């Protein structure tokens, strides 16, 4: 999936000469957390977050002091050198930007112009959908040897049992000789398929039988 499919296109923006007060009003009115700052050619020059606004605001104990600060241009507090993405970037690649840089949103640029925006909430919703976790399903984890063909071998078992696979993930195992295959399948009772997988010699690590301590 590419970012173009999930980005918000109607982005509310401000210019560098807009005031901090205008930014505060927009954030309160629309209940979002970030405002891209653009020039007269719609090119991105910065971004302002609700936390930037809070940092620039007086303490609640001195709220009436220095009210002139709210009339300062937004350029005085905006962040520059903004991390961005392109509409044709893959969701998986963009998710690593959120993870590595601890950011809350990502402006989307095409030919240096702002064409959309993606937030961490958008990414979370998309990843949940990609994993199929929003649908009635069962979660199965199988430990297999880290060699070619194991994914197709396990998938063939689901095919034999006429069970649809909603999603597949591959996790590393502490022992590099193995890996963990994580399936979501369209059934609410996975006991039959778990039994068949184990009968074929594979180690199902979830769901597992209750252990007596």
N, C-alpha and C. Protein backbone atom coordinates (compact mmCIF):
# COMPACT_ATOMS: atom_id res chain seq x y z
N UNK A 1 0.85 -1.19 0.00
CA UNK A 1 0.00 0.00 0.00
C UNK A 1 0.89 1.24 0.00
N UNK A 2 0.48 2.26 -0.78
CA UNK A 2 1.25 3.49 -0.83
C UNK A 2 0.56 4.60 -0.03
N UNK A 3 1.34 5.58 0.37
CA UNK A 3 0.84 6.66 1.22
C UNK A 3 -0.28 7.45 0.57
N UNK A 4 -0.26 7.56 -0.74
CA UNK A 4 -1.30 8.29 -1.45
C UNK A 4 -2.70 7.78 -1.12
N UNK A 5 -2.80 6.49 -0.79
CA UNK A 5 -4.10 5.89 -0.51
C UNK A 5 -4.64 6.24 0.87
N UNK A 6 -3.80 6.70 1.78
CA UNK A 6 -4.27 6.96 3.14
C UNK A 6 -4.10 8.42 3.57
N UNK A 7 -3.35 9.22 2.81
CA UNK A 7 -3.08 10.59 3.24
C UNK A 7 -4.32 11.47 3.16
N UNK A 8 -4.39 12.45 4.03
CA UNK A 8 -5.44 13.47 3.97
C UNK A 8 -5.00 14.53 2.96
N UNK A 9 -5.89 14.86 2.03
CA UNK A 9 -5.53 15.76 0.95
C UNK A 9 -5.88 17.22 1.24
N UNK A 10 -6.98 17.45 1.92
CA UNK A 10 -7.41 18.82 2.20
C UNK A 10 -6.72 19.33 3.46
N UNK A 11 -5.47 19.72 3.29
CA UNK A 11 -4.65 20.10 4.44
C UNK A 11 -4.85 21.58 4.77
N UNK A 12 -5.13 21.85 6.03
CA UNK A 12 -5.25 23.23 6.50
C UNK A 12 -3.85 23.74 6.82
N UNK A 13 -3.50 24.87 6.26
CA UNK A 13 -2.14 25.41 6.42
C UNK A 13 -2.18 26.86 6.88
N UNK A 14 -1.02 27.36 7.25
CA UNK A 14 -0.81 28.77 7.54
C UNK A 14 0.44 29.22 6.79
N UNK A 15 0.64 30.53 6.73
CA UNK A 15 1.86 31.06 6.14
C UNK A 15 2.78 31.56 7.24
N UNK A 16 3.99 31.90 6.88
CA UNK A 16 4.98 32.33 7.87
C UNK A 16 4.55 33.60 8.60
N UNK A 17 3.73 34.43 7.95
CA UNK A 17 3.31 35.68 8.57
C UNK A 17 2.06 35.54 9.43
N UNK A 18 1.44 34.36 9.40
CA UNK A 18 0.29 34.13 10.28
C UNK A 18 0.76 34.22 11.72
N UNK A 19 -0.15 34.57 12.62
CA UNK A 19 0.23 34.76 14.01
C UNK A 19 0.06 33.49 14.84
N UNK A 20 0.72 33.48 15.98
CA UNK A 20 0.58 32.36 16.91
C UNK A 20 -0.88 32.24 17.35
N UNK A 21 -1.54 33.36 17.50
CA UNK A 21 -2.95 33.35 17.89
C UNK A 21 -3.80 32.64 16.84
N UNK A 22 -3.54 32.88 15.56
CA UNK A 22 -4.28 32.21 14.50
C UNK A 22 -4.07 30.70 14.56
N UNK A 23 -2.85 30.30 14.83
CA UNK A 23 -2.55 28.87 14.93
C UNK A 23 -3.30 28.25 16.10
N UNK A 24 -3.34 28.94 17.23
CA UNK A 24 -4.07 28.43 18.40
C UNK A 24 -5.55 28.26 18.07
N UNK A 25 -6.12 29.21 17.37
CA UNK A 25 -7.55 29.15 17.02
C UNK A 25 -7.83 27.99 16.08
N UNK A 26 -6.94 27.77 15.12
CA UNK A 26 -7.13 26.65 14.18
C UNK A 26 -7.06 25.31 14.89
N UNK A 27 -6.07 25.15 15.77
CA UNK A 27 -5.91 23.90 16.50
C UNK A 27 -7.15 23.60 17.36
N UNK A 28 -7.67 24.64 17.99
CA UNK A 28 -8.85 24.46 18.85
C UNK A 28 -10.10 24.17 18.02
N UNK A 29 -10.23 24.85 16.89
CA UNK A 29 -11.43 24.69 16.06
C UNK A 29 -11.50 23.31 15.41
N UNK A 30 -10.37 22.84 14.88
CA UNK A 30 -10.38 21.60 14.10
C UNK A 30 -9.91 20.38 14.89
N UNK A 31 -9.41 20.59 16.09
CA UNK A 31 -9.00 19.49 16.97
C UNK A 31 -7.96 18.58 16.33
N UNK A 32 -7.00 19.18 15.62
CA UNK A 32 -5.85 18.41 15.17
C UNK A 32 -4.62 18.92 15.89
N UNK A 33 -3.45 18.35 15.61
CA UNK A 33 -2.27 18.64 16.42
C UNK A 33 -1.13 19.30 15.66
N UNK A 34 -1.24 19.37 14.34
CA UNK A 34 -0.13 19.91 13.55
C UNK A 34 -0.65 20.81 12.43
N UNK A 35 0.09 21.87 12.16
CA UNK A 35 -0.25 22.77 11.06
C UNK A 35 0.99 22.98 10.19
N UNK A 36 0.96 22.52 8.93
CA UNK A 36 2.07 22.81 8.02
C UNK A 36 2.10 24.30 7.68
N UNK A 37 3.30 24.84 7.54
CA UNK A 37 3.47 26.24 7.17
C UNK A 37 4.02 26.28 5.75
N UNK A 38 3.34 27.02 4.87
CA UNK A 38 3.74 27.05 3.47
C UNK A 38 3.98 28.48 3.01
N UNK A 39 4.68 28.62 1.86
CA UNK A 39 4.86 29.94 1.28
C UNK A 39 3.77 30.19 0.24
N UNK A 40 3.88 31.28 -0.50
CA UNK A 40 2.82 31.63 -1.45
C UNK A 40 2.74 30.69 -2.64
N UNK A 41 3.73 29.80 -2.79
CA UNK A 41 3.71 28.81 -3.87
C UNK A 41 3.34 27.42 -3.36
N UNK A 42 2.83 27.36 -2.13
CA UNK A 42 2.41 26.11 -1.49
C UNK A 42 3.57 25.17 -1.20
N UNK A 43 4.77 25.73 -1.14
CA UNK A 43 5.92 24.92 -0.78
C UNK A 43 6.08 24.91 0.73
N UNK A 44 6.39 23.77 1.29
CA UNK A 44 6.50 23.63 2.75
C UNK A 44 7.75 24.33 3.26
N UNK A 45 7.56 25.16 4.29
CA UNK A 45 8.70 25.86 4.89
C UNK A 45 8.87 25.53 6.37
N UNK A 46 7.86 24.87 6.95
CA UNK A 46 7.95 24.52 8.37
C UNK A 46 6.70 23.83 8.85
N UNK A 47 6.66 23.54 10.13
CA UNK A 47 5.48 22.92 10.73
C UNK A 47 5.39 23.34 12.19
N UNK A 48 4.17 23.46 12.67
CA UNK A 48 3.93 23.85 14.07
C UNK A 48 3.00 22.82 14.70
N UNK A 49 3.32 22.41 15.91
CA UNK A 49 2.49 21.44 16.63
C UNK A 49 1.83 22.10 17.82
N UNK A 50 0.86 21.41 18.40
CA UNK A 50 0.21 21.94 19.60
C UNK A 50 1.20 22.09 20.74
N UNK A 51 2.22 21.23 20.79
CA UNK A 51 3.22 21.37 21.85
C UNK A 51 4.08 22.61 21.64
N UNK A 52 4.35 22.98 20.39
CA UNK A 52 5.07 24.23 20.12
C UNK A 52 4.27 25.42 20.64
N UNK A 53 2.96 25.36 20.41
CA UNK A 53 2.09 26.45 20.87
C UNK A 53 2.08 26.52 22.39
N UNK A 54 2.00 25.36 23.04
CA UNK A 54 1.98 25.34 24.51
C UNK A 54 3.28 25.91 25.06
N UNK A 55 4.40 25.53 24.44
CA UNK A 55 5.70 26.02 24.92
C UNK A 55 5.82 27.54 24.77
N UNK A 56 5.15 28.08 23.76
CA UNK A 56 5.24 29.52 23.51
C UNK A 56 4.21 30.32 24.31
N UNK A 57 3.26 29.61 24.95
CA UNK A 57 2.18 30.29 25.67
C UNK A 57 2.60 30.60 27.10
N UNK A 58 2.08 31.66 27.68
CA UNK A 58 2.39 31.99 29.08
C UNK A 58 1.82 30.94 30.02
N UNK A 59 2.38 30.86 31.19
CA UNK A 59 1.84 29.98 32.22
C UNK A 59 0.41 30.38 32.54
N UNK A 60 -0.40 29.41 32.98
CA UNK A 60 -1.79 29.72 33.34
C UNK A 60 -1.85 30.71 34.50
N UNK A 61 -0.76 30.82 35.26
CA UNK A 61 -0.74 31.76 36.38
C UNK A 61 -0.39 33.18 35.92
N UNK A 62 0.08 33.31 34.67
CA UNK A 62 0.45 34.63 34.15
C UNK A 62 -0.12 34.78 32.74
N UNK A 63 -1.34 34.27 32.54
CA UNK A 63 -1.89 34.20 31.20
C UNK A 63 -2.12 35.57 30.58
N UNK A 64 -2.39 36.56 31.41
CA UNK A 64 -2.67 37.90 30.87
C UNK A 64 -1.39 38.70 30.63
N UNK A 65 -0.25 38.13 31.01
CA UNK A 65 1.02 38.83 30.78
C UNK A 65 1.52 38.55 29.36
N UNK A 66 2.15 39.55 28.77
CA UNK A 66 2.79 39.39 27.46
C UNK A 66 1.83 38.85 26.39
N UNK A 67 0.63 39.41 26.36
CA UNK A 67 -0.34 38.98 25.34
C UNK A 67 0.14 39.31 23.94
N UNK A 68 1.06 40.26 23.84
CA UNK A 68 1.59 40.61 22.53
C UNK A 68 2.35 39.45 21.88
N UNK A 69 2.78 38.48 22.72
CA UNK A 69 3.48 37.33 22.16
C UNK A 69 2.59 36.55 21.19
N UNK A 70 1.28 36.55 21.44
CA UNK A 70 0.37 35.81 20.59
C UNK A 70 0.25 36.43 19.19
N UNK A 71 0.71 37.67 19.05
CA UNK A 71 0.66 38.35 17.75
C UNK A 71 1.95 38.19 16.97
N UNK A 72 2.91 37.48 17.52
CA UNK A 72 4.16 37.22 16.81
C UNK A 72 3.89 36.26 15.63
N UNK A 73 4.69 36.35 14.58
CA UNK A 73 4.49 35.44 13.44
C UNK A 73 4.79 34.00 13.81
N UNK A 74 4.08 33.10 13.17
CA UNK A 74 4.26 31.67 13.47
C UNK A 74 5.67 31.21 13.11
N UNK A 75 6.33 31.94 12.24
CA UNK A 75 7.70 31.59 11.84
C UNK A 75 8.66 31.64 13.02
N UNK A 76 8.28 32.37 14.07
CA UNK A 76 9.17 32.50 15.23
C UNK A 76 9.22 31.23 16.08
N UNK A 77 8.24 30.34 15.91
CA UNK A 77 8.24 29.11 16.71
C UNK A 77 8.16 27.84 15.87
N UNK A 78 7.99 27.98 14.55
CA UNK A 78 7.83 26.78 13.72
C UNK A 78 9.14 26.00 13.62
N UNK A 79 9.00 24.70 13.40
CA UNK A 79 10.16 23.85 13.17
C UNK A 79 10.45 23.82 11.66
N UNK A 80 11.72 23.94 11.32
CA UNK A 80 12.13 23.87 9.93
C UNK A 80 12.82 22.53 9.67
N UNK A 81 13.31 22.35 8.44
CA UNK A 81 13.94 21.07 8.06
C UNK A 81 13.03 19.90 8.41
N UNK A 82 11.80 19.98 7.91
CA UNK A 82 10.76 19.01 8.25
C UNK A 82 10.98 17.69 7.51
N UNK A 83 10.79 16.59 8.21
CA UNK A 83 10.85 15.27 7.59
C UNK A 83 9.57 15.08 6.77
N UNK A 84 9.72 14.66 5.53
CA UNK A 84 8.56 14.52 4.64
C UNK A 84 8.59 13.18 3.92
N UNK A 85 7.52 12.91 3.18
CA UNK A 85 7.44 11.70 2.36
C UNK A 85 6.79 12.06 1.02
N UNK A 86 6.79 11.10 0.10
CA UNK A 86 6.21 11.27 -1.22
C UNK A 86 4.94 10.42 -1.33
N UNK A 87 3.96 10.83 -2.12
CA UNK A 87 2.72 10.05 -2.23
C UNK A 87 2.92 8.60 -2.65
N UNK A 88 4.01 8.30 -3.38
CA UNK A 88 4.24 6.93 -3.84
C UNK A 88 5.11 6.11 -2.91
N UNK A 89 5.47 6.67 -1.76
CA UNK A 89 6.22 5.90 -0.76
C UNK A 89 5.31 4.82 -0.16
N UNK A 90 5.92 3.71 0.20
CA UNK A 90 5.14 2.61 0.80
C UNK A 90 4.85 2.90 2.27
N UNK A 91 3.68 2.47 2.72
CA UNK A 91 3.27 2.67 4.11
C UNK A 91 4.31 2.08 5.06
N UNK A 92 4.84 0.89 4.74
CA UNK A 92 5.81 0.25 5.61
C UNK A 92 7.06 1.11 5.79
N UNK A 93 7.51 1.73 4.69
CA UNK A 93 8.70 2.57 4.76
C UNK A 93 8.44 3.83 5.57
N UNK A 94 7.27 4.42 5.37
CA UNK A 94 6.93 5.64 6.09
C UNK A 94 6.77 5.37 7.58
N UNK A 95 6.26 4.20 7.93
CA UNK A 95 6.09 3.87 9.35
C UNK A 95 7.43 3.86 10.08
N UNK A 96 8.51 3.51 9.37
CA UNK A 96 9.82 3.53 10.01
C UNK A 96 10.27 4.96 10.32
N UNK A 97 9.82 5.93 9.53
CA UNK A 97 10.15 7.33 9.82
C UNK A 97 9.50 7.78 11.12
N UNK A 98 8.25 7.39 11.33
CA UNK A 98 7.57 7.71 12.59
C UNK A 98 8.31 7.07 13.76
N UNK A 99 8.73 5.83 13.57
CA UNK A 99 9.40 5.07 14.64
C UNK A 99 10.77 5.65 14.96
N UNK A 100 11.56 5.93 13.92
CA UNK A 100 12.94 6.36 14.13
C UNK A 100 13.05 7.80 14.61
N UNK A 101 12.14 8.66 14.17
CA UNK A 101 12.26 10.09 14.48
C UNK A 101 11.27 10.56 15.55
N UNK A 102 10.40 9.66 16.02
CA UNK A 102 9.44 9.99 17.09
C UNK A 102 8.61 11.23 16.72
N UNK A 103 8.04 11.20 15.52
CA UNK A 103 7.24 12.32 15.05
C UNK A 103 5.76 11.97 15.10
N UNK A 104 4.92 13.00 15.08
CA UNK A 104 3.48 12.79 15.17
C UNK A 104 2.76 12.92 13.85
N UNK A 105 3.42 13.53 12.85
CA UNK A 105 2.80 13.65 11.54
C UNK A 105 3.88 13.78 10.49
N UNK A 106 3.48 13.59 9.25
CA UNK A 106 4.42 13.62 8.13
C UNK A 106 3.76 14.33 6.95
N UNK A 107 4.22 15.53 6.59
CA UNK A 107 3.72 16.18 5.39
C UNK A 107 4.12 15.38 4.14
N UNK A 108 3.24 15.34 3.16
CA UNK A 108 3.49 14.60 1.92
C UNK A 108 3.70 15.62 0.79
N UNK A 109 4.87 15.54 0.15
CA UNK A 109 5.23 16.50 -0.89
C UNK A 109 5.34 15.82 -2.24
N UNK A 110 4.90 16.54 -3.26
CA UNK A 110 5.08 16.11 -4.65
C UNK A 110 5.60 17.31 -5.42
N UNK A 111 6.78 17.16 -6.02
CA UNK A 111 7.42 18.28 -6.72
C UNK A 111 7.58 19.47 -5.77
N UNK A 112 7.97 19.17 -4.52
CA UNK A 112 8.24 20.14 -3.47
C UNK A 112 7.00 20.86 -2.95
N UNK A 113 5.82 20.52 -3.46
CA UNK A 113 4.59 21.17 -3.00
C UNK A 113 3.82 20.24 -2.07
N UNK A 114 3.17 20.83 -1.07
CA UNK A 114 2.38 20.06 -0.10
C UNK A 114 1.11 19.54 -0.76
N UNK A 115 0.94 18.22 -0.75
CA UNK A 115 -0.25 17.62 -1.37
C UNK A 115 -1.07 16.80 -0.37
N UNK A 116 -0.52 16.61 0.84
CA UNK A 116 -1.25 15.81 1.82
C UNK A 116 -0.51 15.75 3.13
N UNK A 117 -1.11 15.04 4.08
CA UNK A 117 -0.48 14.86 5.39
C UNK A 117 -0.93 13.52 5.96
N UNK A 118 -0.04 12.87 6.70
CA UNK A 118 -0.34 11.61 7.37
C UNK A 118 0.05 11.75 8.83
N UNK A 119 -0.83 11.31 9.72
CA UNK A 119 -0.55 11.39 11.15
C UNK A 119 -0.25 10.00 11.70
N UNK A 120 0.26 9.96 12.93
CA UNK A 120 0.54 8.67 13.57
C UNK A 120 -0.74 7.87 13.75
N UNK A 121 -1.87 8.55 13.93
CA UNK A 121 -3.16 7.85 14.05
C UNK A 121 -3.54 7.20 12.73
N UNK A 122 -3.32 7.91 11.62
CA UNK A 122 -3.57 7.32 10.30
C UNK A 122 -2.73 6.06 10.10
N UNK A 123 -1.46 6.13 10.52
CA UNK A 123 -0.57 4.99 10.35
C UNK A 123 -1.02 3.81 11.20
N UNK A 124 -1.45 4.09 12.42
CA UNK A 124 -1.89 3.02 13.32
C UNK A 124 -3.12 2.32 12.74
N UNK A 125 -4.09 3.11 12.29
CA UNK A 125 -5.31 2.53 11.71
C UNK A 125 -4.97 1.67 10.49
N UNK A 126 -4.05 2.16 9.65
CA UNK A 126 -3.67 1.44 8.44
C UNK A 126 -2.97 0.13 8.77
N UNK A 127 -2.06 0.16 9.73
CA UNK A 127 -1.33 -1.05 10.10
C UNK A 127 -2.27 -2.09 10.72
N UNK A 128 -3.26 -1.63 11.48
CA UNK A 128 -4.26 -2.55 12.05
C UNK A 128 -5.03 -3.22 10.92
N UNK A 129 -5.40 -2.44 9.89
CA UNK A 129 -6.12 -3.01 8.76
C UNK A 129 -5.25 -3.98 7.96
N UNK A 130 -3.98 -3.61 7.77
CA UNK A 130 -3.08 -4.49 7.03
C UNK A 130 -2.88 -5.82 7.75
N UNK A 131 -2.90 -5.79 9.08
CA UNK A 131 -2.73 -7.01 9.86
C UNK A 131 -4.03 -7.78 10.00
N UNK A 132 -5.16 -7.16 9.62
CA UNK A 132 -6.44 -7.83 9.74
C UNK A 132 -6.96 -7.93 11.15
N UNK A 133 -6.37 -7.16 12.06
CA UNK A 133 -6.75 -7.26 13.47
C UNK A 133 -8.12 -6.67 13.75
N UNK A 134 -8.68 -5.90 12.79
CA UNK A 134 -9.99 -5.27 12.99
C UNK A 134 -11.12 -6.21 12.59
N UNK A 135 -10.80 -7.39 12.05
CA UNK A 135 -11.81 -8.34 11.62
C UNK A 135 -11.87 -9.53 12.58
N UNK A 136 -13.03 -10.18 12.67
CA UNK A 136 -13.11 -11.40 13.49
C UNK A 136 -12.13 -12.44 12.94
N UNK A 137 -11.19 -12.85 13.74
CA UNK A 137 -10.16 -13.77 13.26
C UNK A 137 -9.42 -14.37 14.44
N UNK A 138 -8.54 -15.31 14.13
CA UNK A 138 -7.70 -15.93 15.15
C UNK A 138 -6.23 -15.71 14.82
N UNK A 139 -5.44 -15.61 15.87
CA UNK A 139 -4.01 -15.33 15.78
C UNK A 139 -3.25 -16.62 16.06
N UNK A 140 -2.38 -17.01 15.10
CA UNK A 140 -1.60 -18.23 15.27
C UNK A 140 -0.13 -17.93 15.00
N UNK A 141 0.75 -18.36 15.92
CA UNK A 141 2.18 -18.19 15.75
C UNK A 141 2.85 -19.56 15.66
N UNK A 142 3.67 -19.70 14.62
CA UNK A 142 4.33 -20.98 14.39
C UNK A 142 5.84 -20.76 14.29
N UNK A 143 6.60 -21.51 15.09
CA UNK A 143 8.06 -21.46 15.03
C UNK A 143 8.53 -22.44 13.95
N UNK A 144 9.31 -21.93 12.99
CA UNK A 144 9.80 -22.78 11.91
C UNK A 144 11.29 -22.55 11.71
N UNK A 145 11.93 -23.47 10.99
CA UNK A 145 13.33 -23.28 10.64
C UNK A 145 13.46 -22.08 9.70
N UNK A 146 14.53 -21.36 9.84
CA UNK A 146 14.76 -20.17 9.01
C UNK A 146 15.36 -20.57 7.67
N UNK A 147 14.55 -21.29 6.89
CA UNK A 147 14.98 -21.74 5.57
C UNK A 147 13.86 -21.46 4.56
N UNK A 148 14.21 -21.46 3.29
CA UNK A 148 13.25 -21.17 2.23
C UNK A 148 12.13 -22.21 2.18
N UNK A 149 10.91 -21.73 1.98
CA UNK A 149 9.79 -22.63 1.74
C UNK A 149 8.88 -22.89 2.91
N UNK A 150 9.29 -22.50 4.12
CA UNK A 150 8.48 -22.82 5.29
C UNK A 150 7.15 -22.05 5.30
N UNK A 151 7.17 -20.81 4.82
CA UNK A 151 5.93 -20.03 4.77
C UNK A 151 4.91 -20.71 3.86
N UNK A 152 5.35 -21.14 2.70
CA UNK A 152 4.42 -21.79 1.77
C UNK A 152 3.95 -23.14 2.31
N UNK A 153 4.82 -23.83 3.07
CA UNK A 153 4.42 -25.11 3.66
C UNK A 153 3.27 -24.93 4.65
N UNK A 154 3.39 -23.92 5.51
CA UNK A 154 2.33 -23.68 6.50
C UNK A 154 1.07 -23.16 5.81
N UNK A 155 1.25 -22.28 4.81
CA UNK A 155 0.09 -21.75 4.09
C UNK A 155 -0.68 -22.87 3.39
N UNK A 156 0.04 -23.90 2.95
CA UNK A 156 -0.62 -25.03 2.29
C UNK A 156 -1.55 -25.77 3.25
N UNK A 157 -1.20 -25.79 4.53
CA UNK A 157 -2.05 -26.44 5.52
C UNK A 157 -3.38 -25.70 5.63
N UNK A 158 -3.32 -24.38 5.65
CA UNK A 158 -4.57 -23.59 5.71
C UNK A 158 -5.42 -23.85 4.46
N UNK A 159 -4.74 -23.97 3.32
CA UNK A 159 -5.47 -24.24 2.08
C UNK A 159 -6.17 -25.59 2.14
N UNK A 160 -5.47 -26.61 2.66
CA UNK A 160 -6.06 -27.94 2.78
C UNK A 160 -7.31 -27.91 3.66
N UNK A 161 -7.28 -27.06 4.68
CA UNK A 161 -8.41 -26.98 5.61
C UNK A 161 -9.45 -25.94 5.18
N UNK A 162 -9.24 -25.37 3.99
CA UNK A 162 -10.17 -24.38 3.42
C UNK A 162 -10.38 -23.19 4.35
N UNK A 163 -9.26 -22.67 4.90
CA UNK A 163 -9.31 -21.52 5.79
C UNK A 163 -8.60 -20.34 5.13
N UNK A 164 -9.28 -19.21 5.11
CA UNK A 164 -8.70 -18.00 4.51
C UNK A 164 -7.69 -17.35 5.45
N UNK A 165 -6.59 -16.89 4.88
CA UNK A 165 -5.58 -16.16 5.64
C UNK A 165 -5.84 -14.67 5.48
N UNK A 166 -5.99 -13.96 6.61
CA UNK A 166 -6.22 -12.51 6.58
C UNK A 166 -4.92 -11.74 6.43
N UNK A 167 -3.89 -12.19 7.14
CA UNK A 167 -2.59 -11.52 7.06
C UNK A 167 -1.49 -12.46 7.51
N UNK A 168 -0.27 -12.13 7.09
CA UNK A 168 0.91 -12.92 7.47
C UNK A 168 2.03 -11.96 7.86
N UNK A 169 2.67 -12.23 8.98
CA UNK A 169 3.86 -11.48 9.40
C UNK A 169 4.97 -12.46 9.73
N UNK A 170 6.20 -12.00 9.56
CA UNK A 170 7.36 -12.83 9.90
C UNK A 170 8.18 -12.10 10.94
N UNK A 171 8.35 -12.72 12.11
CA UNK A 171 9.12 -12.13 13.20
C UNK A 171 10.44 -12.87 13.37
N UNK A 172 11.48 -12.17 13.78
CA UNK A 172 12.73 -12.86 14.10
C UNK A 172 12.59 -13.66 15.38
N UNK A 173 13.37 -14.73 15.48
CA UNK A 173 13.42 -15.54 16.70
C UNK A 173 14.76 -15.27 17.38
N UNK A 174 14.84 -15.37 18.71
CA UNK A 174 16.14 -15.17 19.38
C UNK A 174 17.25 -16.04 18.81
N UNK A 175 16.89 -17.24 18.37
CA UNK A 175 17.84 -18.12 17.71
C UNK A 175 17.73 -17.90 16.20
N UNK A 176 18.76 -17.38 15.55
CA UNK A 176 18.67 -17.07 14.12
C UNK A 176 18.43 -18.27 13.23
N UNK A 177 18.52 -19.46 13.78
CA UNK A 177 18.23 -20.66 13.00
C UNK A 177 16.73 -20.85 12.80
N UNK A 178 15.92 -20.03 13.51
CA UNK A 178 14.47 -20.14 13.43
C UNK A 178 13.85 -18.77 13.15
N UNK A 179 12.58 -18.78 12.78
CA UNK A 179 11.79 -17.56 12.66
C UNK A 179 10.37 -17.88 13.08
N UNK A 180 9.59 -16.84 13.33
CA UNK A 180 8.21 -17.03 13.77
C UNK A 180 7.27 -16.51 12.70
N UNK A 181 6.38 -17.37 12.23
CA UNK A 181 5.37 -16.98 11.26
C UNK A 181 4.07 -16.69 12.01
N UNK A 182 3.54 -15.51 11.78
CA UNK A 182 2.32 -15.09 12.48
C UNK A 182 1.19 -14.96 11.46
N UNK A 183 0.16 -15.75 11.66
CA UNK A 183 -0.98 -15.75 10.74
C UNK A 183 -2.23 -15.24 11.45
N UNK A 184 -3.06 -14.54 10.70
CA UNK A 184 -4.43 -14.29 11.13
C UNK A 184 -5.33 -15.00 10.14
N UNK A 185 -6.19 -15.87 10.66
CA UNK A 185 -7.06 -16.66 9.80
C UNK A 185 -8.52 -16.40 10.16
N UNK A 186 -9.40 -16.57 9.17
CA UNK A 186 -10.81 -16.23 9.35
C UNK A 186 -11.57 -17.37 10.01
N UNK A 187 -11.29 -17.55 11.28
CA UNK A 187 -12.05 -18.48 12.10
C UNK A 187 -11.93 -18.02 13.54
N UNK A 188 -12.95 -18.27 14.32
CA UNK A 188 -12.91 -17.91 15.73
C UNK A 188 -12.50 -19.10 16.60
N UNK A 189 -12.37 -20.28 15.99
CA UNK A 189 -11.95 -21.47 16.72
C UNK A 189 -10.78 -22.12 15.99
N UNK A 190 -9.53 -21.80 16.39
CA UNK A 190 -8.36 -22.29 15.65
C UNK A 190 -7.87 -23.66 16.10
N UNK A 191 -8.59 -24.33 16.98
CA UNK A 191 -8.08 -25.57 17.57
C UNK A 191 -7.81 -26.64 16.53
N UNK A 192 -8.69 -26.76 15.53
CA UNK A 192 -8.51 -27.79 14.51
C UNK A 192 -7.24 -27.56 13.72
N UNK A 193 -7.04 -26.34 13.26
CA UNK A 193 -5.86 -26.06 12.45
C UNK A 193 -4.59 -26.15 13.27
N UNK A 194 -4.64 -25.74 14.53
CA UNK A 194 -3.48 -25.85 15.40
C UNK A 194 -3.08 -27.33 15.57
N UNK A 195 -4.08 -28.18 15.73
CA UNK A 195 -3.82 -29.62 15.89
C UNK A 195 -3.14 -30.19 14.65
N UNK A 196 -3.63 -29.80 13.47
CA UNK A 196 -3.06 -30.32 12.22
C UNK A 196 -1.63 -29.83 12.04
N UNK A 197 -1.37 -28.55 12.34
CA UNK A 197 -0.02 -28.00 12.21
C UNK A 197 0.95 -28.75 13.12
N UNK A 198 0.51 -29.02 14.35
CA UNK A 198 1.38 -29.74 15.29
C UNK A 198 1.59 -31.19 14.85
N UNK A 199 0.55 -31.79 14.27
CA UNK A 199 0.68 -33.17 13.80
C UNK A 199 1.70 -33.28 12.67
N UNK A 200 1.88 -32.20 11.94
CA UNK A 200 2.85 -32.18 10.85
C UNK A 200 4.26 -31.83 11.34
N UNK A 201 4.41 -31.73 12.66
CA UNK A 201 5.74 -31.58 13.24
C UNK A 201 6.18 -30.16 13.52
N UNK A 202 5.27 -29.21 13.41
CA UNK A 202 5.64 -27.81 13.65
C UNK A 202 5.32 -27.41 15.09
N UNK A 203 6.02 -26.41 15.57
CA UNK A 203 5.87 -25.92 16.94
C UNK A 203 4.96 -24.70 16.96
N UNK A 204 3.73 -24.88 17.40
CA UNK A 204 2.79 -23.76 17.52
C UNK A 204 3.01 -23.12 18.89
N UNK A 205 3.48 -21.88 18.89
CA UNK A 205 3.77 -21.23 20.16
C UNK A 205 2.61 -20.36 20.64
N UNK A 206 1.64 -20.11 19.75
CA UNK A 206 0.40 -19.44 20.17
C UNK A 206 -0.70 -19.79 19.18
N UNK A 207 -1.89 -20.21 19.63
CA UNK A 207 -2.25 -20.44 21.05
C UNK A 207 -1.58 -21.71 21.56
N UNK A 208 -1.21 -21.69 22.82
CA UNK A 208 -0.53 -22.82 23.42
C UNK A 208 -1.42 -23.45 24.48
N UNK A 209 -1.14 -24.70 24.77
CA UNK A 209 -1.89 -25.38 25.81
C UNK A 209 -1.57 -24.78 27.18
N UNK A 210 -2.55 -24.65 28.07
CA UNK A 210 -2.27 -24.13 29.43
C UNK A 210 -1.25 -25.02 30.12
N UNK A 211 -0.33 -24.39 30.81
CA UNK A 211 0.71 -25.14 31.51
C UNK A 211 0.40 -25.21 33.01
N UNK A 212 0.64 -26.39 33.60
CA UNK A 212 0.43 -26.56 35.04
C UNK A 212 1.73 -26.16 35.75
N UNK A 213 1.64 -25.18 36.63
CA UNK A 213 2.83 -24.70 37.35
C UNK A 213 3.02 -25.48 38.65
